[in-house]
PDB file of N, CA and C in Angstrom:
ATOM      1  N   MET A   1     205.915  90.012 212.964  1.00  0.00           N
ATOM      2  CA  MET A   1     206.988  90.218 212.362  1.00  0.00           C
ATOM      3  C   MET A   1     207.424  91.145 211.826  1.00  0.00           C
ATOM      4  N   LYS A   2     208.788  91.659 211.959  1.00  0.00           N
ATOM      5  CA  LYS A   2     209.375  92.703 211.291  1.00  0.00           C
ATOM      6  C   LYS A   2     210.232  92.343 210.410  1.00  0.00           C
ATOM      7  N   PRO A   3     210.487  93.378 209.324  1.00  0.00           N
ATOM      8  CA  PRO A   3     211.436  93.137 208.252  1.00  0.00           C
ATOM      9  C   PRO A   3     213.248  93.141 208.814  1.00  0.00           C
ATOM     10  N   ALA A   4     214.008  92.622 207.828  1.00  0.00           N
ATOM     11  CA  ALA A   4     215.335  92.978 208.964  1.00  0.00           C
ATOM     12  C   ALA A   4     216.081  93.879 208.390  1.00  0.00           C
ATOM     13  N   SER A   5     216.612  94.481 209.670  1.00  0.00           N
ATOM     14  CA  SER A   5     216.952  96.368 209.136  1.00  0.00           C
ATOM     15  C   SER A   5     218.133  96.562 207.879  1.00  0.00           C
ATOM     16  N   HIS A   6     218.360  95.479 207.797  1.00  0.00           N
ATOM     17  CA  HIS A   6     219.168  95.962 206.284  1.00  0.00           C
ATOM     18  C   HIS A   6     218.014  95.828 204.813  1.00  0.00           C
ATOM     19  N   HIS A   7     216.690  96.117 204.642  1.00  0.00           N
ATOM     20  CA  HIS A   7     215.873  95.884 204.298  1.00  0.00           C
ATOM     21  C   HIS A   7     215.352  97.644 204.247  1.00  0.00           C
ATOM     22  N   VAL A   8     215.364  97.834 204.848  1.00  0.00           N
ATOM     23  CA  VAL A   8     214.579  99.385 205.663  1.00  0.00           C
ATOM     24  C   VAL A   8     215.077 100.496 204.775  1.00  0.00           C
ATOM     25  N   THR A   9     214.438 100.933 204.361  1.00  0.00           N
ATOM     26  CA  THR A   9     215.598 102.114 203.609  1.00  0.00           C
ATOM     27  C   THR A   9     214.275 103.407 203.936  1.00  0.00           C
ATOM     28  N   ARG A  10     214.187 104.313 203.420  1.00  0.00           N
ATOM     29  CA  ARG A  10     213.198 105.956 203.332  1.00  0.00           C
ATOM     30  C   ARG A  10     212.600 106.095 201.932  1.00  0.00           C
ATOM     31  N   CYS A  11     211.341 106.416 202.080  1.00  0.00           N
ATOM     32  CA  CYS A  11     210.869 107.178 201.123  1.00  0.00           C
ATOM     33  C   CYS A  11     211.350 108.473 201.044  1.00  0.00           C
ATOM     34  N   ARG A  12     211.729 108.454 199.335  1.00  0.00           N
ATOM     35  CA  ARG A  12     212.298 110.009 199.233  1.00  0.00           C
ATOM     36  C   ARG A  12     211.283 111.322 199.350  1.00  0.00           C
ATOM     37  N   ARG A  13     210.086 110.880 199.153  1.00  0.00           N
ATOM     38  CA  ARG A  13     208.810 112.341 199.246  1.00  0.00           C
ATOM     39  C   ARG A  13     208.854 112.313 200.924  1.00  0.00           C
ATOM     40  N   CYS A  14     208.381 111.315 201.516  1.00  0.00           N
ATOM     41  CA  CYS A  14     208.085 111.543 202.942  1.00  0.00           C
ATOM     42  C   CYS A  14     208.732 111.303 203.742  1.00  0.00           C
ATOM     43  N   THR A  15     210.165 110.042 203.677  1.00  0.00           N
ATOM     44  CA  THR A  15     210.792 109.965 204.400  1.00  0.00           C
ATOM     45  C   THR A  15     210.427 108.974 205.233  1.00  0.00           C
ATOM     46  N   ALA A  16     209.133 108.226 205.485  1.00  0.00           N
ATOM     47  CA  ALA A  16     208.714 107.112 206.317  1.00  0.00           C
ATOM     48  C   ALA A  16     209.553 105.706 205.878  1.00  0.00           C
ATOM     49  N   PRO A  17     209.387 105.147 207.007  1.00  0.00           N
ATOM     50  CA  PRO A  17     210.190 104.336 206.707  1.00  0.00           C
ATOM     51  C   PRO A  17     209.851 102.722 205.452  1.00  0.00           C
ATOM     52  N   ILE A  18     210.301 102.178 204.564  1.00  0.00           N
ATOM     53  CA  ILE A  18     209.616 101.288 203.538  1.00  0.00           C
ATOM     54  C   ILE A  18     210.745 100.400 203.348  1.00  0.00           C
ATOM     55  N   VAL A  19     210.033  99.344 202.828  1.00  0.00           N
ATOM     56  CA  VAL A  19     210.863  98.094 202.561  1.00  0.00           C
ATOM     57  C   VAL A  19     210.080  97.817 201.239  1.00  0.00           C
ATOM     58  N   TRP A  20     211.574  97.485 200.172  1.00  0.00           N
ATOM     59  CA  TRP A  20     211.084  97.021 198.571  1.00  0.00           C
ATOM     60  C   TRP A  20     210.722  95.591 198.541  1.00  0.00           C
ATOM     61  N   CYS A  21     209.832  95.542 197.767  1.00  0.00           N
ATOM     62  CA  CYS A  21     209.298  94.243 197.885  1.00  0.00           C
ATOM     63  C   CYS A  21     209.000  93.552 196.071  1.00  0.00           C
ATOM     64  N   LEU A  22     209.293  92.199 195.986  1.00  0.00           N
ATOM     65  CA  LEU A  22     208.773  92.221 194.296  1.00  0.00           C
ATOM     66  C   LEU A  22     207.166  91.495 194.550  1.00  0.00           C
ATOM     67  N   THR A  23     206.946  91.923 193.492  1.00  0.00           N
ATOM     68  CA  THR A  23     205.039  91.455 194.003  1.00  0.00           C
ATOM     69  C   THR A  23     205.128  89.629 192.939  1.00  0.00           C
ATOM     70  N   SER A  24     204.729  88.802 194.045  1.00  0.00           N
ATOM     71  CA  SER A  24     204.496  87.566 193.873  1.00  0.00           C
ATOM     72  C   SER A  24     203.348  87.411 192.045  1.00  0.00           C
ATOM     73  N   ALA A  25     202.900  88.296 191.739  1.00  0.00           N
ATOM     74  CA  ALA A  25     201.759  88.301 190.753  1.00  0.00           C
ATOM     75  C   ALA A  25     203.103  88.353 189.429  1.00  0.00           C
ATOM     76  N   ASN A  26     203.232  89.484 189.541  1.00  0.00           N
ATOM     77  CA  ASN A  26     203.932  89.507 188.136  1.00  0.00           C
ATOM     78  C   ASN A  26     206.082  90.189 188.493  1.00  0.00           C
ATOM     79  N   GLY A  27     205.847  89.892 189.521  1.00  0.00           N
ATOM     80  CA  GLY A  27     207.841  90.099 189.864  1.00  0.00           C
ATOM     81  C   GLY A  27     208.303  91.672 189.563  1.00  0.00           C
ATOM     82  N   ARG A  28     207.454  92.672 189.875  1.00  0.00           N
ATOM     83  CA  ARG A  28     207.262  94.438 189.793  1.00  0.00           C
ATOM     84  C   ARG A  28     207.988  94.464 191.175  1.00  0.00           C
ATOM     85  N   ARG A  29     208.643  95.653 191.493  1.00  0.00           N
ATOM     86  CA  ARG A  29     209.208  96.372 192.588  1.00  0.00           C
ATOM     87  C   ARG A  29     207.802  97.255 193.267  1.00  0.00           C
ATOM     88  N   GLN A  30     207.412  96.740 194.269  1.00  0.00           N
ATOM     89  CA  GLN A  30     206.422  97.805 195.380  1.00  0.00           C
ATOM     90  C   GLN A  30     207.252  98.018 196.508  1.00  0.00           C
ATOM     91  N   PRO A  31     206.983  99.658 197.037  1.00  0.00           N
ATOM     92  CA  PRO A  31     207.102 100.019 198.096  1.00  0.00           C
ATOM     93  C   PRO A  31     206.186  99.679 199.182  1.00  0.00           C
ATOM     94  N   VAL A  32     206.580  99.013 200.319  1.00  0.00           N
ATOM     95  CA  VAL A  32     205.338  98.582 201.421  1.00  0.00           C
ATOM     96  C   VAL A  32     206.106  99.248 202.745  1.00  0.00           C
ATOM     97  N   ASN A  33     204.965  99.774 203.452  1.00  0.00           N
ATOM     98  CA  ASN A  33     205.764 100.194 204.723  1.00  0.00           C
ATOM     99  C   ASN A  33     206.047  99.280 205.747  1.00  0.00           C
ATOM    100  N   ALA A  34     206.954  99.777 206.301  1.00  0.00           N
ATOM    101  CA  ALA A  34     208.434  98.958 207.468  1.00  0.00           C
ATOM    102  C   ALA A  34     207.270  98.375 208.266  1.00  0.00           C
ATOM    103  N   VAL A  35     206.256  98.817 208.738  1.00  0.00           N
ATOM    104  CA  VAL A  35     205.804  98.415 210.197  1.00  0.00           C
ATOM    105  C   VAL A  35     204.868  97.734 209.808  1.00  0.00           C
ATOM    106  N   PRO A  36     204.176  96.910 210.187  1.00  0.00           N
ATOM    107  CA  PRO A  36     203.579  96.206 210.516  1.00  0.00           C
ATOM    108  C   PRO A  36     202.253  96.294 210.586  1.00  0.00           C
ATOM    109  N   ASP A  37     200.721  96.384 210.002  1.00  0.00           N
ATOM    110  CA  ASP A  37     199.711  96.875 210.170  1.00  0.00           C
ATOM    111  C   ASP A  37     198.682  95.883 209.809  1.00  0.00           C
ATOM    112  N   GLU A  38     197.821  95.530 210.792  1.00  0.00           N
ATOM    113  CA  GLU A  38     196.639  94.997 211.017  1.00  0.00           C
ATOM    114  C   GLU A  38     195.754  95.156 209.642  1.00  0.00           C
ATOM    115  N   GLU A  39     195.937  96.394 209.567  1.00  0.00           N
ATOM    116  CA  GLU A  39     194.909  97.083 208.660  1.00  0.00           C
ATOM    117  C   GLU A  39     195.106  97.330 207.143  1.00  0.00           C
ATOM    118  N   GLY A  40     196.501  96.028 206.964  1.00  0.00           N
ATOM    119  CA  GLY A  40     197.130  96.216 205.580  1.00  0.00           C
ATOM    120  C   GLY A  40     196.131  95.353 205.005  1.00  0.00           C
ATOM    121  N   ASN A  41     196.519  95.422 203.531  1.00  0.00           N
ATOM    122  CA  ASN A  41     195.757  94.748 202.463  1.00  0.00           C
ATOM    123  C   ASN A  41     196.969  93.632 201.358  1.00  0.00           C
ATOM    124  N   VAL A  42     198.290  93.522 202.565  1.00  0.00           N
ATOM    125  CA  VAL A  42     199.145  92.573 201.690  1.00  0.00           C
ATOM    126  C   VAL A  42     200.001  92.171 202.827  1.00  0.00           C
ATOM    127  N   ALA A  43     200.670  90.803 202.248  1.00  0.00           N
ATOM    128  CA  ALA A  43     201.412  89.858 203.194  1.00  0.00           C
ATOM    129  C   ALA A  43     202.971  89.609 202.180  1.00  0.00           C
ATOM    130  N   VAL A  44     203.328  90.724 203.267  1.00  0.00           N
ATOM    131  CA  VAL A  44     204.918  90.595 202.964  1.00  0.00           C
ATOM    132  C   VAL A  44     206.006  89.104 203.672  1.00  0.00           C
ATOM    133  N   MET A  45     206.654  88.304 202.832  1.00  0.00           N
ATOM    134  CA  MET A  45     207.831  87.214 203.239  1.00  0.00           C
ATOM    135  C   MET A  45     208.904  87.246 202.922  1.00  0.00           C
ATOM    136  N   GLN A  46     210.067  86.700 203.224  1.00  0.00           N
ATOM    137  CA  GLN A  46     211.197  86.901 203.244  1.00  0.00           C
ATOM    138  C   GLN A  46     211.565  85.563 202.338  1.00  0.00           C
ATOM    139  N   GLY A  47     211.640  84.989 200.835  1.00  0.00           N
ATOM    140  CA  GLY A  47     212.351  84.147 200.573  1.00  0.00           C
ATOM    141  C   GLY A  47     213.419  83.847 201.024  1.00  0.00           C
ATOM    142  N   ALA A  48     213.699  82.638 200.601  1.00  0.00           N
ATOM    143  CA  ALA A  48     214.841  81.370 200.729  1.00  0.00           C
ATOM    144  C   ALA A  48     216.457  82.542 200.158  1.00  0.00           C
ATOM    145  N   ASP A  49     215.777  83.555 198.893  1.00  0.00           N
ATOM    146  CA  ASP A  49     217.470  84.085 198.188  1.00  0.00           C
ATOM    147  C   ASP A  49     217.483  84.902 199.101  1.00  0.00           C
ATOM    148  N   GLY A  50     216.800  85.665 199.937  1.00  0.00           N
ATOM    149  CA  GLY A  50     217.027  86.671 200.747  1.00  0.00           C
ATOM    150  C   GLY A  50     215.771  88.295 200.523  1.00  0.00           C
ATOM    151  N   VAL A  51     215.321  87.491 199.398  1.00  0.00           N
ATOM    152  CA  VAL A  51     214.571  89.006 198.919  1.00  0.00           C
ATOM    153  C   VAL A  51     213.181  89.189 199.228  1.00  0.00           C
ATOM    154  N   LEU A  52     212.630  90.147 199.664  1.00  0.00           N
ATOM    155  CA  LEU A  52     211.002  89.964 200.102  1.00  0.00           C
ATOM    156  C   LEU A  52     209.949  89.970 198.842  1.00  0.00           C
ATOM    157  N   TYR A  53     209.043  89.185 199.058  1.00  0.00           N
ATOM    158  CA  TYR A  53     207.968  89.304 198.249  1.00  0.00           C
ATOM    159  C   TYR A  53     206.702  89.598 198.986  1.00  0.00           C
ATOM    160  N   VAL A  54     206.063  90.183 198.109  1.00  0.00           N
ATOM    161  CA  VAL A  54     204.498  90.635 198.467  1.00  0.00           C
ATOM    162  C   VAL A  54     203.403  90.094 197.336  1.00  0.00           C
ATOM    163  N   ARG A  55     202.184  89.907 198.528  1.00  0.00           N
ATOM    164  CA  ARG A  55     201.347  89.068 197.819  1.00  0.00           C
ATOM    165  C   ARG A  55     199.679  90.004 198.753  1.00  0.00           C
ATOM    166  N   THR A  56     199.012  90.012 197.639  1.00  0.00           N
ATOM    167  CA  THR A  56     198.010  90.789 198.016  1.00  0.00           C
ATOM    168  C   THR A  56     196.782  89.630 199.188  1.00  0.00           C
ATOM    169  N   VAL A  57     196.365  90.432 200.498  1.00  0.00           N
ATOM    170  CA  VAL A  57     195.396  89.686 200.525  1.00  0.00           C
ATOM    171  C   VAL A  57     194.073  89.565 200.444  1.00  0.00           C
ATOM    172  N   THR A  58     193.778  88.268 200.139  1.00  0.00           N
ATOM    173  CA  THR A  58     192.289  88.562 198.959  1.00  0.00           C
ATOM    174  C   THR A  58     191.437  87.236 200.090  1.00  0.00           C
ATOM    175  N   ALA A  59     190.362  87.185 199.307  1.00  0.00           N
ATOM    176  CA  ALA A  59     188.999  86.328 199.892  1.00  0.00           C
ATOM    177  C   ALA A  59     189.454  85.190 199.967  1.00  0.00           C
ATOM    178  N   ALA A  60     189.917  85.166 198.585  1.00  0.00           N
ATOM    179  CA  ALA A  60     189.961  83.584 198.207  1.00  0.00           C
ATOM    180  C   ALA A  60     191.648  83.184 199.584  1.00  0.00           C
ATOM    181  N   ARG A  61     192.600  83.923 199.621  1.00  0.00           N
ATOM    182  CA  ARG A  61     193.914  83.657 200.391  1.00  0.00           C
ATOM    183  C   ARG A  61     193.735  84.494 201.655  1.00  0.00           C
ATOM    184  N   PRO A  62     192.528  84.889 202.603  1.00  0.00           N
ATOM    185  CA  PRO A  62     192.566  85.698 203.161  1.00  0.00           C
ATOM    186  C   PRO A  62     194.033  85.725 204.569  1.00  0.00           C
ATOM    187  N   ASP A  63     194.497  84.630 204.706  1.00  0.00           N
ATOM    188  CA  ASP A  63     195.126  83.758 205.982  1.00  0.00           C
ATOM    189  C   ASP A  63     196.710  84.459 206.036  1.00  0.00           C
ATOM    190  N   ILE A  64     197.290  85.172 206.867  1.00  0.00           N
ATOM    191  CA  ILE A  64     198.749  85.450 207.228  1.00  0.00           C
ATOM    192  C   ILE A  64     199.037  84.244 207.276  1.00  0.00           C
ATOM    193  N   ARG A  65     200.243  83.285 206.297  1.00  0.00           N
ATOM    194  CA  ARG A  65     201.016  82.352 206.924  1.00  0.00           C
ATOM    195  C   ARG A  65     202.301  82.372 207.594  1.00  0.00           C
ATOM    196  N   PRO A  66     202.329  81.404 208.445  1.00  0.00           N
ATOM    197  CA  PRO A  66     203.858  81.576 209.203  1.00  0.00           C
ATOM    198  C   PRO A  66     204.827  82.283 208.365  1.00  0.00           C
ATOM    199  N   GLY A  67     205.541  82.919 208.864  1.00  0.00           N
ATOM    200  CA  GLY A  67     206.579  83.394 208.387  1.00  0.00           C
ATOM    201  C   GLY A  67     206.502  85.083 207.629  1.00  0.00           C
ATOM    202  N   GLU A  68     205.378  85.195 207.434  1.00  0.00           N
ATOM    203  CA  GLU A  68     204.385  86.407 206.889  1.00  0.00           C
ATOM    204  C   GLU A  68     204.221  87.511 207.701  1.00  0.00           C
ATOM    205  N   TRP A  69     204.240  88.927 207.365  1.00  0.00           N
ATOM    206  CA  TRP A  69     203.562  89.870 208.219  1.00  0.00           C
ATOM    207  C   TRP A  69     202.643  90.392 207.414  1.00  0.00           C
ATOM    208  N   GLN A  70     201.798  91.258 207.945  1.00  0.00           N
ATOM    209  CA  GLN A  70     200.747  92.140 206.994  1.00  0.00           C
ATOM    210  C   GLN A  70     201.112  93.781 207.191  1.00  0.00           C
ATOM    211  N   ALA A  71     201.120  93.870 206.011  1.00  0.00           N
ATOM    212  CA  ALA A  71     201.651  95.535 205.830  1.00  0.00           C
ATOM    213  C   ALA A  71     200.689  96.317 204.595  1.00  0.00           C
ATOM    214  N   MET A  72     201.008  97.511 205.051  1.00  0.00           N
ATOM    215  CA  MET A  72     199.825  98.366 204.016  1.00  0.00           C
ATOM    216  C   MET A  72     200.767  98.737 202.495  1.00  0.00           C
ATOM    217  N   PRO A  73     200.743  99.067 201.385  1.00  0.00           N
ATOM    218  CA  PRO A  73     201.389  99.209 200.480  1.00  0.00           C
ATOM    219  C   PRO A  73     201.339 100.544 201.064  1.00  0.00           C
ATOM    220  N   HIS A  74     202.804 101.066 200.433  1.00  0.00           N
ATOM    221  CA  HIS A  74     203.293 102.748 200.527  1.00  0.00           C
ATOM    222  C   HIS A  74     202.518 103.902 199.819  1.00  0.00           C
ATOM    223  N   HIS A  75     202.161 103.232 198.787  1.00  0.00           N
ATOM    224  CA  HIS A  75     201.456 104.461 197.692  1.00  0.00           C
ATOM    225  C   HIS A  75     199.992 104.750 198.612  1.00  0.00           C
ATOM    226  N   ALA A  76     199.656 104.046 199.959  1.00  0.00           N
ATOM    227  CA  ALA A  76     198.150 104.435 200.094  1.00  0.00           C
ATOM    228  C   ALA A  76     198.443 105.197 201.188  1.00  0.00           C
ATOM    229  N   THR A  77     199.810 105.484 201.765  1.00  0.00           N
ATOM    230  CA  THR A  77     199.708 106.075 202.871  1.00  0.00           C
ATOM    231  C   THR A  77     200.931 107.055 202.959  1.00  0.00           C
ATOM    232  N   CYS A  78     201.438 107.343 201.772  1.00  0.00           N
ATOM    233  CA  CYS A  78     202.448 108.105 201.352  1.00  0.00           C
ATOM    234  C   CYS A  78     201.773 109.737 201.539  1.00  0.00           C
ATOM    235  N   THR A  79     202.877 110.665 202.339  1.00  0.00           N
ATOM    236  CA  THR A  79     201.945 112.031 202.694  1.00  0.00           C
ATOM    237  C   THR A  79     202.287 112.858 201.667  1.00  0.00           C
ATOM    238  N   SER A  80     203.431 112.289 200.473  1.00  0.00           N
ATOM    239  CA  SER A  80     203.696 113.453 199.904  1.00  0.00           C
ATOM    240  C   SER A  80     203.828 112.700 198.390  1.00  0.00           C
ATOM    241  N   PRO A  81     202.601 111.735 198.012  1.00  0.00           N
ATOM    242  CA  PRO A  81     203.013 111.344 196.850  1.00  0.00           C
ATOM    243  C   PRO A  81     203.100 111.743 195.418  1.00  0.00           C
ATOM    244  N   PRO A  82     203.546 111.394 194.444  1.00  0.00           N
ATOM    245  CA  PRO A  82     204.191 111.752 193.307  1.00  0.00           C
ATOM    246  C   PRO A  82     203.219 112.636 192.367  1.00  0.00           C
ATOM    247  N   PRO A  83     203.043 113.771 191.722  1.00  0.00           N
ATOM    248  CA  PRO A  83     201.620 113.961 190.719  1.00  0.00           C
ATOM    249  C   PRO A  83     201.430 113.316 190.344  1.00  0.00           C
ATOM    250  N   ARG A  84     200.064 113.377 189.721  1.00  0.00           N
ATOM    251  CA  ARG A  84     199.675 112.368 188.991  1.00  0.00           C
ATOM    252  C   ARG A  84     199.534 112.980 187.297  1.00  0.00           C
ATOM    253  N   ARG A  85     199.795 111.929 186.697  1.00  0.00           N
ATOM    254  CA  ARG A  85     199.920 112.397 185.067  1.00  0.00           C
ATOM    255  C   ARG A  85     198.140 111.982 184.444  1.00  0.00           C
ATOM    256  N   ASN A  86     198.187 113.182 183.336  1.00  0.00           N
ATOM    257  CA  ASN A  86     196.689 113.254 183.245  1.00  0.00           C
ATOM    258  C   ASN A  86     196.896 112.955 181.681  1.00  0.00           C
ATOM    259  N   ASN A  87     197.839 112.224 181.459  1.00  0.00           N
ATOM    260  CA  ASN A  87     197.717 111.950 179.793  1.00  0.00           C
ATOM    261  C   ASN A  87     197.865 110.365 180.001  1.00  0.00           C
ATOM    262  N   GLY A  88     197.517 109.626 180.463  1.00  0.00           N
ATOM    263  CA  GLY A  88     197.640 108.161 180.540  1.00  0.00           C
ATOM    264  C   GLY A  88     198.618 107.662 180.962  1.00  0.00           C
ATOM    265  N   GLY A  89     199.679 108.105 180.806  1.00  0.00           N
ATOM    266  CA  GLY A  89     201.253 107.881 181.235  1.00  0.00           C
ATOM    267  C   GLY A  89     201.948 107.780 180.022  1.00  0.00           C
ATOM    268  N   GLN A  90     201.404 108.281 179.276  1.00  0.00           N
ATOM    269  CA  GLN A  90     202.301 108.147 177.990  1.00  0.00           C
ATOM    270  C   GLN A  90     203.293 109.728 177.756  1.00  0.00           C
ATOM    271  N   ARG A  91     204.096 109.509 177.427  1.00  0.00           N
ATOM    272  CA  ARG A  91     204.831 111.191 177.330  1.00  0.00           C
ATOM    273  C   ARG A  91     204.368 112.198 175.786  1.00  0.00           C
ATOM    274  N   ALA A  92     204.942 112.827 175.647  1.00  0.00           N
ATOM    275  CA  ALA A  92     203.842 113.850 174.733  1.00  0.00           C
ATOM    276  C   ALA A  92     205.261 113.883 174.141  1.00  0.00           C
ATOM    277  N   ALA A  93     204.758 113.751 172.277  1.00  0.00           N
ATOM    278  CA  ALA A  93     205.918 113.689 171.525  1.00  0.00           C
ATOM    279  C   ALA A  93     207.047 115.123 171.367  1.00  0.00           C
ATOM    280  N   SER A  94     208.314 114.956 171.775  1.00  0.00           N
ATOM    281  CA  SER A  94     208.877 116.268 171.614  1.00  0.00           C
ATOM    282  C   SER A  94     209.792 116.445 170.239  1.00  0.00           C
ATOM    283  N   GLY A  95     209.587 117.366 169.601  1.00  0.00           N
ATOM    284  CA  GLY A  95     210.268 117.641 168.173  1.00  0.00           C
ATOM    285  C   GLY A  95     209.479 117.055 166.941  1.00  0.00           C
ATOM    286  N   ALA A  96     208.382 116.434 167.108  1.00  0.00           N
ATOM    287  CA  ALA A  96     207.591 115.832 166.503  1.00  0.00           C
ATOM    288  C   ALA A  96     207.312 117.001 164.716  1.00  0.00           C
ATOM    289  N   VAL A  97     207.144 116.106 163.765  1.00  0.00           N
ATOM    290  CA  VAL A  97     206.984 116.814 162.677  1.00  0.00           C
ATOM    291  C   VAL A  97     205.225 117.268 162.553  1.00  0.00           C
ATOM    292  N   ARG A  98     204.988 118.208 161.960  1.00  0.00           N
ATOM    293  CA  ARG A  98     203.550 118.540 162.047  1.00  0.00           C
ATOM    294  C   ARG A  98     202.862 117.892 160.626  1.00  0.00           C
ATOM    295  N   PRO A  99     201.999 117.306 161.266  1.00  0.00           N
ATOM    296  CA  PRO A  99     201.302 116.820 160.166  1.00  0.00           C
ATOM    297  C   PRO A  99     200.623 117.701 159.177  1.00  0.00           C
ATOM    298  N   GLY A 100     200.783 116.863 157.846  1.00  0.00           N
ATOM    299  CA  GLY A 100     200.357 117.896 156.484  1.00  0.00           C
ATOM    300  C   GLY A 100     199.561 116.958 155.625  1.00  0.00           C
ATOM    301  N   PRO A 101     199.047 117.933 154.372  1.00  0.00           N
ATOM    302  CA  PRO A 101     198.555 116.809 153.678  1.00  0.00           C
ATOM    303  C   PRO A 101     199.212 115.972 152.764  1.00  0.00           C
ATOM    304  N   TRP A 102     198.806 115.032 152.514  1.00  0.00           N
ATOM    305  CA  TRP A 102     199.905 114.385 151.950  1.00  0.00           C
ATOM    306  C   TRP A 102     200.108 114.333 150.268  1.00  0.00           C
ATOM    307  N   GLN A 103     201.010 114.900 149.764  1.00  0.00           N
ATOM    308  CA  GLN A 103     201.375 114.989 148.558  1.00  0.00           C
ATOM    309  C   GLN A 103     202.287 114.099 147.817  1.00  0.00           C
ATOM    310  N   ARG A 104     201.833 113.393 146.403  1.00  0.00           N
ATOM    311  CA  ARG A 104     203.052 113.160 145.713  1.00  0.00           C
ATOM    312  C   ARG A 104     203.774 113.742 144.841  1.00  0.00           C
TER     313      ARG A 104
END
């Protein structure tokens, strides 16, 4: 099964066809390759509301159910990923006051 054409868009970095899905675990957006992949570790399905939902294929739930298609997360295959952050994802303080000794 393939996604409907109105769901397919392009990655801004590598221009590969992707679909945006909501994760079933926490409702966050996740890009997934639009082309089904037998080696993929996620299953995508379209909900009754027309939104695409994605779940991880695990040992506990390895089967692809009717209406789902197996795919690969786009982060795993993007040929031009964003640069990695080395500060743990936190932004550096800009315009911060330099700490000094406490005075009464």
